[in-house]
Protein backbone atom coordinates (compact mmCIF):
# COMPACT_ATOMS: atom_id res chain seq x y z
CA MET A 1 20.21 3.22 -18.77
CA ARG A 2 17.42 1.97 -16.55
CA ALA A 3 19.00 1.89 -13.14
CA VAL A 4 17.25 2.60 -9.85
CA TRP A 5 13.70 2.77 -8.60
CA PRO A 6 13.57 5.54 -5.96
CA PRO A 7 12.31 3.48 -2.96
CA ASP A 8 15.60 1.56 -3.14
CA LEU A 9 17.27 4.66 -1.67
CA HIS A 10 16.87 3.83 2.00
CA ASP A 11 19.44 6.17 3.51
CA ARG A 12 22.04 8.82 2.81
CA ALA A 13 24.69 6.27 1.92
CA ASP A 14 22.51 4.90 -0.86
CA VAL A 15 21.85 8.39 -2.16
CA ALA A 16 25.57 9.13 -2.11
CA ASP A 17 26.31 5.95 -4.03
CA LEU A 18 23.71 6.81 -6.61
CA ALA A 19 25.11 10.33 -6.85
CA VAL A 20 28.49 8.88 -7.77
CA LEU A 21 26.88 6.78 -10.49
CA VAL A 22 25.02 9.82 -11.75
CA SER A 23 28.23 11.80 -11.93
CA VAL A 24 29.77 8.97 -13.96
CA VAL A 25 26.90 8.05 -16.23
CA GLY A 26 24.92 11.28 -16.49
CA PHE A 27 21.30 12.02 -15.66
CA ASP A 28 20.15 11.35 -19.19
CA ARG A 29 20.86 7.66 -18.69
CA PHE A 30 18.73 7.32 -15.55
CA HIS A 31 15.11 6.50 -16.22
CA LEU A 32 13.25 6.27 -12.94
CA GLN A 33 9.99 4.46 -13.57
CA ARG A 34 7.82 2.04 -11.69
CA ASP A 35 7.90 -0.95 -14.02
CA VAL A 36 11.60 -1.72 -13.56
CA LEU A 37 12.71 -2.52 -10.02
CA PRO A 38 16.48 -3.01 -10.00
CA HIS A 39 17.97 -2.64 -6.55
CA LEU A 40 20.93 -0.45 -5.77
CA ALA A 41 22.77 -3.43 -4.32
CA LEU A 42 22.46 -5.16 -7.68
CA ILE A 43 24.03 -2.18 -9.43
CA LYS A 44 26.85 -2.13 -6.93
CA ARG A 45 27.48 -5.84 -7.44
CA HIS A 46 27.77 -5.50 -11.19
CA LEU A 47 29.68 -2.25 -11.32
CA ASN A 48 31.85 -3.01 -8.31
CA HIS A 49 31.29 -0.42 -5.63
CA PRO A 50 33.59 2.57 -6.30
CA SER A 51 36.04 3.82 -3.74
CA PHE A 52 36.69 7.52 -3.74
CA ASP A 53 37.51 10.58 -1.74
CA PHE A 54 36.46 14.15 -2.33
CA ASN A 55 39.87 15.29 -3.54
CA GLY A 56 41.05 12.22 -5.37
CA ARG A 57 40.18 10.43 -8.55
CA LEU A 58 37.18 8.15 -8.97
CA GLU A 59 37.92 4.80 -10.51
CA VAL A 60 35.00 2.65 -11.65
CA LYS A 61 35.19 -0.82 -13.14
CA ARG A 62 32.31 -1.25 -15.54
CA GLN A 63 30.55 -4.09 -17.24
CA ALA A 64 28.62 -3.94 -20.46
CA ASN A 65 25.29 -4.81 -18.95
CA PHE A 66 23.48 -6.19 -15.95
CA THR A 67 20.21 -7.91 -15.20
CA ALA A 68 17.36 -6.34 -13.26
CA GLY A 69 13.84 -7.56 -12.77
CA GLY A 70 14.43 -10.32 -15.29
CA ARG A 71 15.55 -7.88 -17.98
CA ARG A 72 19.00 -7.44 -19.45
CA LEU A 73 19.85 -3.76 -19.27
CA ALA A 74 22.66 -2.09 -21.16
CA LEU A 75 25.21 0.34 -19.80
CA SER A 76 26.73 2.70 -22.31
CA SER A 77 30.48 2.46 -22.61
CA ALA A 78 32.62 5.00 -20.82
CA PRO A 79 36.31 5.33 -20.01
CA PRO A 80 37.23 3.37 -16.89
CA MET A 81 39.05 6.38 -15.47
CA ILE A 82 37.22 9.55 -14.49
CA GLY A 83 38.87 12.91 -14.02
CA PRO A 84 39.20 14.61 -10.63
CA LEU A 85 35.96 14.52 -8.66
CA ASN A 86 35.84 17.55 -6.41
CA LYS A 87 33.41 18.55 -3.68
CA VAL A 88 31.37 20.78 -5.95
CA THR A 89 30.81 17.99 -8.48
CA LEU A 90 29.79 15.43 -5.88
CA LEU A 91 27.64 17.80 -3.85
CA GLY A 92 25.93 18.93 -7.02
CA ALA A 93 25.13 15.35 -7.89
CA LEU A 94 23.89 14.71 -4.36
CA CYS A 95 21.59 17.73 -4.48
CA ALA A 96 20.23 16.77 -7.87
CA VAL A 97 19.54 13.20 -6.80
CA GLY A 98 18.07 14.39 -3.51
CA ALA A 99 15.65 16.67 -5.33
CA LEU A 100 14.71 13.88 -7.68
CA CYS A 101 14.04 11.54 -4.77
CA LEU A 102 11.86 14.10 -2.99
CA LEU A 103 9.68 14.48 -6.06
CA PHE A 104 9.35 10.89 -7.18
CA ALA A 105 10.40 8.83 -4.18
CA ALA A 106 8.08 9.60 -1.34
CA PRO A 107 8.03 6.62 1.01
CA ALA A 108 5.93 4.42 -1.23
CA GLY A 109 6.46 1.38 -3.37
CA ALA A 110 7.32 -2.25 -2.99
CA GLY A 111 8.27 -2.97 0.60
CA SER A 112 8.58 0.58 1.92
CA LEU A 113 5.40 0.42 4.04
CA VAL A 114 5.95 -3.19 5.10
CA PRO A 115 6.94 -3.65 8.76
CA ARG A 116 10.62 -4.42 9.12
CA GLY A 117 11.96 -7.73 10.33
CA ASP A 118 9.40 -9.94 12.03
CA LYS A 119 7.11 -7.05 12.97
CA VAL A 120 3.37 -7.16 12.23
CA PHE A 121 1.07 -4.14 12.15
CA PHE A 122 -2.13 -4.70 14.12
CA GLY A 123 -5.10 -2.43 13.50
CA ILE A 124 -8.83 -2.00 14.01
CA SER A 125 -11.71 -0.79 11.90
CA ASP A 126 -12.89 2.81 12.11
CA THR A 127 -16.45 3.13 13.45
CA GLY A 128 -16.73 6.87 12.85
CA ASP A 129 -16.27 7.63 16.55
CA SER A 130 -12.78 8.30 17.92
CA ALA A 131 -13.94 7.13 21.34
CA ASP A 132 -14.26 3.56 20.00
CA PHE A 133 -10.58 3.54 19.06
CA GLY A 134 -9.69 4.64 22.57
CA GLN A 135 -11.98 2.10 24.22
CA PHE A 136 -10.53 -0.73 22.14
CA SER A 137 -6.99 0.38 23.03
CA SER A 138 -7.88 0.52 26.72
CA ALA A 139 -9.55 -2.89 26.69
CA LEU A 140 -6.45 -4.52 25.19
CA HIS A 141 -3.93 -2.20 26.87
CA LYS A 142 -2.42 -1.82 23.40
CA HIS A 143 -2.43 1.02 20.89
CA PRO A 144 -3.27 -0.30 17.38
CA ALA A 145 -0.79 0.80 14.73
CA LEU A 146 -3.42 0.93 11.96
CA ILE A 147 -7.00 2.13 11.51
CA GLU A 148 -9.16 1.02 8.58
CA SER A 149 -11.84 3.36 7.27
CA PHE A 150 -14.54 2.38 4.79
CA ARG A 151 -15.39 5.12 2.34
CA THR A 152 -17.58 5.53 -0.73
CA TRP A 153 -16.25 6.24 -4.21
CA GLY A 154 -15.99 9.94 -4.93
CA SER A 155 -16.49 11.09 -1.35
CA ASP A 156 -14.22 13.34 0.66
CA PHE A 157 -13.42 12.23 4.18
CA PRO A 158 -12.08 15.06 6.35
CA GLU A 159 -13.63 13.50 9.46
CA SER A 160 -11.81 10.24 8.81
CA ILE A 161 -8.52 12.11 8.43
CA GLU A 162 -9.14 13.84 11.76
CA ARG A 163 -9.70 10.47 13.43
CA TRP A 164 -6.50 9.08 11.89
CA GLN A 165 -4.61 12.07 13.20
CA ALA A 166 -6.20 11.91 16.64
CA ALA A 167 -5.41 8.20 16.93
CA ARG A 168 -1.91 8.59 15.44
CA ALA A 169 -2.61 5.41 13.50
CA ARG A 170 -1.62 4.77 9.90
CA PRO A 171 -4.75 4.63 7.73
CA VAL A 172 -6.02 1.77 5.62
CA LEU A 173 -8.61 3.18 3.23
CA HIS A 174 -11.16 0.77 1.82
CA ILE A 175 -13.07 2.11 -1.17
CA THR A 176 -16.44 0.77 -2.28
CA THR A 177 -18.54 1.88 -5.24
CA ALA A 178 -21.80 1.41 -3.33
CA ASP A 179 -23.61 4.60 -2.37
CA ASN A 180 -23.50 5.21 1.37
CA GLY A 181 -27.21 6.02 1.42
CA ASP A 182 -29.22 3.55 -0.62
CA GLY A 183 -26.41 1.23 -1.75
CA HIS A 184 -26.76 1.78 -5.49
CA GLU A 185 -23.62 1.51 -7.62
CA LEU A 186 -21.88 4.82 -8.31
CA ILE A 187 -19.52 3.56 -11.02
CA SER A 188 -18.93 0.14 -12.55
CA PRO A 189 -15.58 -1.63 -12.85
CA ARG A 190 -15.68 -0.92 -16.58
CA GLY A 191 -16.35 2.74 -15.85
CA ILE A 192 -13.29 2.90 -13.61
CA ALA A 193 -11.10 1.03 -16.10
CA THR A 194 -12.01 3.35 -18.97
CA GLY A 195 -11.27 6.51 -16.99
CA GLY A 196 -14.69 7.54 -15.72
CA GLY A 197 -13.38 7.90 -12.18
CA ASP A 198 -9.99 9.49 -12.87
CA ALA A 199 -10.87 12.79 -11.21
CA TYR A 200 -11.47 11.03 -7.90
CA LEU A 201 -8.30 8.94 -8.16
CA ILE A 202 -6.25 12.06 -8.90
CA ARG A 203 -7.74 13.70 -5.81
CA LEU A 204 -6.68 10.72 -3.70
CA ASN A 205 -3.17 10.81 -5.12
CA ARG A 206 -2.76 14.50 -4.36
CA LEU A 207 -4.38 14.29 -0.93
CA PHE A 208 -1.94 11.73 0.44
CA TRP A 209 1.00 13.42 -1.26
CA GLU A 210 0.13 16.89 0.06
CA LYS A 211 -0.38 15.60 3.59
CA LYS A 212 2.74 13.42 3.36
CA MET A 213 0.59 10.73 4.94
CA ARG A 214 1.63 7.13 4.55
CA ALA A 215 -1.40 4.96 3.87
CA TYR A 216 -2.66 1.70 2.44
CA ILE A 217 -5.35 1.89 -0.22
CA ARG A 218 -7.68 -1.11 -0.38
CA PRO A 219 -9.96 -0.62 -3.40
CA LEU A 220 -12.95 -2.85 -4.11
CA GLY A 221 -12.25 -5.44 -1.43
CA GLU A 222 -13.87 -8.88 -1.62
CA PRO A 223 -14.54 -8.70 -5.40
CA ASN A 224 -15.64 -12.33 -5.31
CA ARG A 225 -18.39 -11.69 -2.74
CA CYS A 226 -21.78 -11.65 -4.42
CA LEU A 227 -23.21 -8.96 -2.12
CA ASN A 228 -20.76 -6.33 -3.38
CA VAL A 229 -22.10 -4.15 -6.20
CA TYR A 230 -18.87 -4.53 -8.18
CA ALA A 231 -18.87 -8.35 -8.02
CA PRO A 232 -19.26 -10.10 -11.39
CA TYR A 233 -21.51 -12.91 -10.12
CA ASP A 234 -24.71 -12.90 -8.12
CA CYS A 235 -25.30 -15.19 -5.15
CA GLU A 236 -26.55 -17.96 -7.42
CA GLY A 237 -23.29 -17.87 -9.38
CA ASN A 238 -24.82 -16.21 -12.45
CA ARG A 239 -22.93 -13.59 -14.41
CA ARG A 240 -24.28 -10.07 -13.97
CA ASP A 241 -23.56 -7.99 -17.07
CA ALA A 242 -20.80 -6.94 -19.45
CA ALA A 243 -19.64 -4.07 -17.22
CA HIS A 244 -19.06 -6.47 -14.31
CA THR A 245 -16.57 -9.20 -15.19
CA PRO A 246 -13.32 -10.38 -13.61
CA LEU A 247 -11.46 -8.79 -16.54
CA TRP A 248 -13.02 -5.37 -15.99
CA TYR A 249 -12.36 -5.67 -12.26
CA LYS A 250 -8.67 -6.39 -12.91
CA ARG A 251 -8.40 -3.49 -15.31
CA ALA A 252 -10.15 -1.19 -12.84
CA PHE A 253 -7.74 -2.24 -10.10
CA ARG A 254 -4.74 -1.60 -12.35
CA ARG A 255 -5.98 1.89 -13.14
CA ILE A 256 -6.50 2.66 -9.48
CA TYR A 257 -2.99 1.42 -8.74
CA VAL A 258 -1.28 3.50 -11.41
CA ILE A 259 -3.08 6.75 -10.64
CA VAL A 260 -3.09 6.74 -6.84
CA HIS A 261 0.61 5.89 -6.83
CA GLY A 262 1.39 8.59 -9.39
CA GLY A 263 5.01 9.63 -9.66
CA GLY A 264 5.68 11.07 -13.08
CA LYS A 265 4.80 13.48 -15.82
CA ARG A 266 1.65 13.03 -17.87
CA GLY A 267 3.44 11.03 -20.56
CA GLN A 268 4.89 8.63 -17.99
CA ILE A 269 1.53 8.03 -16.35
CA ASP A 270 -0.10 7.44 -19.74
CA ALA A 271 2.68 5.02 -20.65
CA ARG A 272 2.07 3.01 -17.48
CA LEU A 273 -1.64 2.94 -18.20
CA HIS A 274 -0.91 1.76 -21.73
CA GLU A 275 1.30 -1.04 -20.38
CA ALA A 276 -1.63 -2.06 -18.18
CA GLY A 277 -3.89 -2.24 -21.24
CA LEU A 278 -5.76 0.94 -20.34
CA PRO A 279 -6.59 4.25 -22.04
CA PRO A 280 -4.71 7.43 -21.05
CA LEU A 281 -5.65 9.77 -18.23
CA GLN A 282 -9.03 11.39 -18.67
CA SER A 283 -7.78 14.67 -17.25
CA ASP A 284 -5.68 17.64 -18.31
CA VAL A 285 -3.18 17.30 -15.44
CA GLY A 286 0.45 17.67 -16.39
CA GLY A 287 1.58 14.89 -14.09
CA LEU A 288 1.04 13.24 -10.71
CA PRO A 289 3.22 13.36 -7.60
CA GLN A 290 4.44 10.15 -5.97
CA ALA A 291 2.00 9.52 -3.14
CA PRO A 292 3.29 7.60 -0.08
CA VAL A 293 0.77 4.78 -0.47
CA GLU A 294 0.60 1.07 -1.15
CA VAL A 295 -2.32 -0.77 -2.71
CA VAL A 296 -3.85 -3.90 -1.15
CA TRP A 297 -5.69 -6.56 -3.14
CA SER A 298 -8.03 -8.57 -0.89
CA PRO A 299 -10.46 -11.19 -2.25
CA LEU A 300 -12.29 -13.74 -0.13
CA PRO A 301 -10.26 -16.95 0.36
CA ALA A 302 -12.65 -19.10 -1.71
CA GLY A 303 -15.38 -16.75 -2.92
CA SER A 304 -19.07 -16.36 -2.22
CA PRO A 305 -20.58 -18.29 -3.86
CA THR A 306 -17.80 -20.86 -3.82
CA VAL A 307 -17.91 -21.72 -7.51
CA ARG A 308 -14.73 -22.36 -9.47
CA ARG A 309 -14.87 -19.21 -11.58
CA ASN A 310 -15.22 -17.10 -8.42
CA ARG A 311 -11.87 -18.19 -6.99
CA PRO A 312 -9.34 -15.46 -6.12
CA ARG A 313 -6.94 -16.29 -8.96
CA HIS A 314 -9.48 -15.08 -11.53
CA PHE A 315 -9.38 -11.60 -9.97
CA TYR A 316 -5.64 -11.08 -9.61
CA PRO A 317 -4.64 -7.86 -11.41
CA GLY A 318 -1.03 -8.97 -11.87
CA SER A 319 2.05 -8.57 -9.69
CA ARG A 320 3.02 -5.24 -11.21
CA TRP A 321 -0.22 -3.69 -9.96
CA VAL A 322 -0.41 -5.15 -6.46
CA ASP A 323 1.70 -4.15 -3.45
CA TRP A 324 0.00 -6.41 -0.89
CA ALA A 325 -2.14 -9.52 -1.20
CA GLY A 326 -4.63 -10.30 1.54
CA THR A 327 -8.05 -11.52 2.54
CA ASP A 328 -10.83 -11.33 5.15
CA PHE A 329 -11.29 -14.11 7.69
CA TYR A 330 -14.09 -14.45 10.23
CA SER A 331 -14.80 -17.01 12.92
CA ASP A 332 -18.10 -18.03 11.30
CA ASN A 333 -16.34 -19.07 8.06
CA GLN A 334 -13.02 -20.69 8.93
CA ASP A 335 -11.72 -22.01 5.61
CA TRP A 336 -8.12 -22.60 6.64
CA LYS A 337 -7.29 -24.62 3.54
CA SER A 338 -8.29 -21.75 1.26
CA LEU A 339 -6.41 -19.28 3.47
CA ASP A 340 -3.25 -21.36 3.13
CA GLY A 341 -3.78 -21.67 -0.61
CA LEU A 342 -4.21 -17.93 -1.09
CA TYR A 343 -1.08 -17.23 0.94
CA LYS A 344 1.02 -19.70 -1.07
CA ARG A 345 -0.30 -18.71 -4.51
CA PHE A 346 0.82 -15.09 -4.20
CA ALA A 347 4.17 -15.79 -2.59
CA GLY A 348 5.90 -12.65 -3.81
CA LYS A 349 3.77 -10.23 -1.79
CA PRO A 350 3.44 -9.23 1.86
CA PHE A 351 0.18 -10.64 3.18
CA ALA A 352 -2.61 -8.86 5.06
CA ILE A 353 -5.62 -10.07 6.98
CA THR A 354 -7.60 -6.96 6.07
CA GLU A 355 -10.60 -7.92 8.21
CA TRP A 356 -11.03 -10.55 10.89
CA SER A 357 -13.33 -10.90 13.85
CA VAL A 358 -14.94 -13.09 16.46
CA SER A 359 -18.38 -12.95 14.88
CA THR A 360 -20.50 -15.65 16.52
CA GLY A 361 -19.80 -15.62 20.23
CA ASP A 362 -16.77 -15.99 22.46
CA ASP A 363 -14.26 -18.07 20.49
CA SER A 364 -10.83 -17.88 22.07
CA ALA A 365 -9.73 -20.99 20.14
CA PHE A 366 -10.25 -19.13 16.84
CA VAL A 367 -8.27 -16.13 18.07
CA ARG A 368 -5.43 -18.35 19.24
CA LYS A 369 -5.38 -20.33 15.99
CA LEU A 370 -5.35 -17.21 13.80
CA MET A 371 -2.59 -15.54 15.82
CA THR A 372 -0.57 -18.75 15.62
CA TRP A 373 -1.13 -18.83 11.85
CA VAL A 374 0.21 -15.27 11.57
CA ARG A 375 3.27 -16.18 13.63
CA ARG A 376 4.04 -19.17 11.41
CA HIS A 377 3.64 -17.29 8.12
CA SER A 378 6.44 -14.78 7.87
CA ARG A 379 4.89 -12.71 5.07
CA ALA A 380 1.77 -12.05 7.16
CA LYS A 381 2.51 -8.44 8.09
CA MET A 382 -0.89 -6.82 8.67
CA LEU A 383 -3.82 -7.87 10.85
CA ILE A 384 -6.94 -5.70 11.22
CA TYR A 385 -9.77 -6.46 13.62
CA TYR A 386 -13.24 -5.54 12.35
CA GLN A 387 -15.32 -4.28 15.28
CA ASP A 388 -18.51 -3.31 13.42
CA PHE A 389 -20.72 -0.53 14.81
CA GLY A 390 -22.39 -0.24 18.19
CA SER A 391 -21.22 -1.45 21.58
CA THR A 392 -23.59 -4.45 21.60
CA SER A 393 -22.43 -5.86 18.25
CA SER A 394 -21.37 -9.50 18.29
CA TYR A 395 -18.17 -8.41 16.53
CA ARG A 396 -17.02 -6.35 19.52
CA ILE A 397 -14.32 -8.44 21.13
CA GLN A 398 -14.77 -6.43 24.35
CA ASN A 399 -18.00 -8.42 24.78
CA TRP A 400 -16.14 -11.75 24.77
CA PRO A 401 -13.74 -11.95 27.74
CA ALA A 402 -11.96 -15.17 26.77
CA SER A 403 -11.26 -13.98 23.23
CA LEU A 404 -10.22 -10.58 24.52
CA GLY A 405 -7.76 -12.15 26.96
CA VAL A 406 -6.11 -14.31 24.31
CA LEU A 407 -5.77 -11.42 21.85
CA SER A 408 -4.38 -9.10 24.53
CA SER A 409 -1.71 -11.59 25.54
CA TRP A 410 -0.59 -12.03 21.93
CA LEU A 411 -0.50 -8.33 21.15
CA HIS A 412 1.81 -7.58 24.06
CA SER A 413 4.61 -9.29 22.18
CA PRO A 414 7.21 -6.84 20.79
CA ARG A 415 6.37 -8.31 17.40
CA PHE A 416 3.33 -5.98 17.32
CA PRO A 417 4.52 -2.37 17.48
CA SER A 418 2.10 0.19 18.88
CA TYR A 419 2.80 2.67 16.09
CA ALA A 420 3.78 2.48 12.45
CA PRO A 421 6.71 4.75 11.55
CA PHE A 422 5.72 8.36 10.91
CA PRO A 423 2.08 8.12 12.05
CA PRO A 424 -0.34 10.88 10.99
CA LYS A 425 0.21 14.15 12.75
CA ALA A 426 -2.43 16.53 14.00
CA PRO A 427 -2.81 19.64 11.84
CA PRO A 428 -1.06 22.82 13.06
CA PRO A 429 -3.14 25.19 15.20
CA PRO A 430 -4.89 28.05 13.42
CA PRO A 431 -3.17 31.45 13.12
CA GLY A 432 -3.16 33.14 16.50
CA GLY A 433 -3.31 29.82 18.35
CA ILE A 434 -6.16 28.33 20.30
CA ALA A 435 -7.91 30.27 23.04
CA PRO A 436 -7.22 28.84 26.52
CA LYS A 437 -9.99 27.05 28.29
CA THR A 438 -11.83 29.13 30.84
CA ARG A 439 -12.57 27.83 34.29
CA ARG A 440 -16.14 27.71 35.47
């Protein structure tokens, strides 16, 4: 029986309900895997929610099958009447399910990192200096819930983690394959898709799992921007080479998605890669933990250059390998029609403005129009301001008083929480504590 994907277990009541089902059906009939997303409510509706007490008898009305995720799933037959269900049996089932959820159901997956209700997470880009986060917060009198860091493929980023922890802001990690020094390409989309970067992806998976840090992973953003080393077309619209095509990009994205999410033994991970049209893990790991992350796909609204084959739809990896859809949107390139089209085309996903900025002078009208657009589009759940580097940059909204005033007034709505749930925590002090400061 394929029954429940772990992120559907939102609270203890859901776990208890699942425990009852487990005690009825047996663990061998529960196959928890990412590609089937039936909700617990759906199971309840088809089985009829059982009523029980610890000392009585459990009576379950059963149907032969039910539908989940567009698939018809079979339930094995079983007697409609179960013997006495005592405390030991139920508590044993609860413990077993709880352990299973802790291993494979860290707070990741479809919808679990999406703000609840009408909330929207606002964030800012990471400049490499924690003081900039504080100055931005002070200027707007608002603590951003998110911080987006831009990192190079294969690199470790302990300093970024420290800034996330100091800011108590949920991280958005953008990953580029351009070298941070001279800009050369470190690995091609084909190299990623065929497993050449698996060691790095496994490190990411384990890092976020070990730290229990909820995060958004944004790999290879703006794939249809000619200036990016992983883009398939140059700025004249010409194809680059066989290792850089929309197909290889999509396959690379799928591989990143499967591995950084993790959540299964080696055979399960390899099976998911196979379903994505990819070779097995190029590593001897026995399995991957379920990292508390979601993956964001973010092309430009129309592409650069704006040729037909560079449109976002040619780069979409497929719904099974995307948690969020999104895009970047700057005041010097306001293509509202393409923004609306991108939002509508990928209607099944929460939407993120992964970068936006006042980039060409004080433009309060642009800020007001974008914030209004977010308010009118209910799936727009993430909004990250790109502030560039250096206090004199034209991207720094602190330099544009009218734009700053409009943004500040919008952000003081309760719709924009100051913190995402469970923000990063500072690491514990070293053994023996920290020496007190001495007065001079």
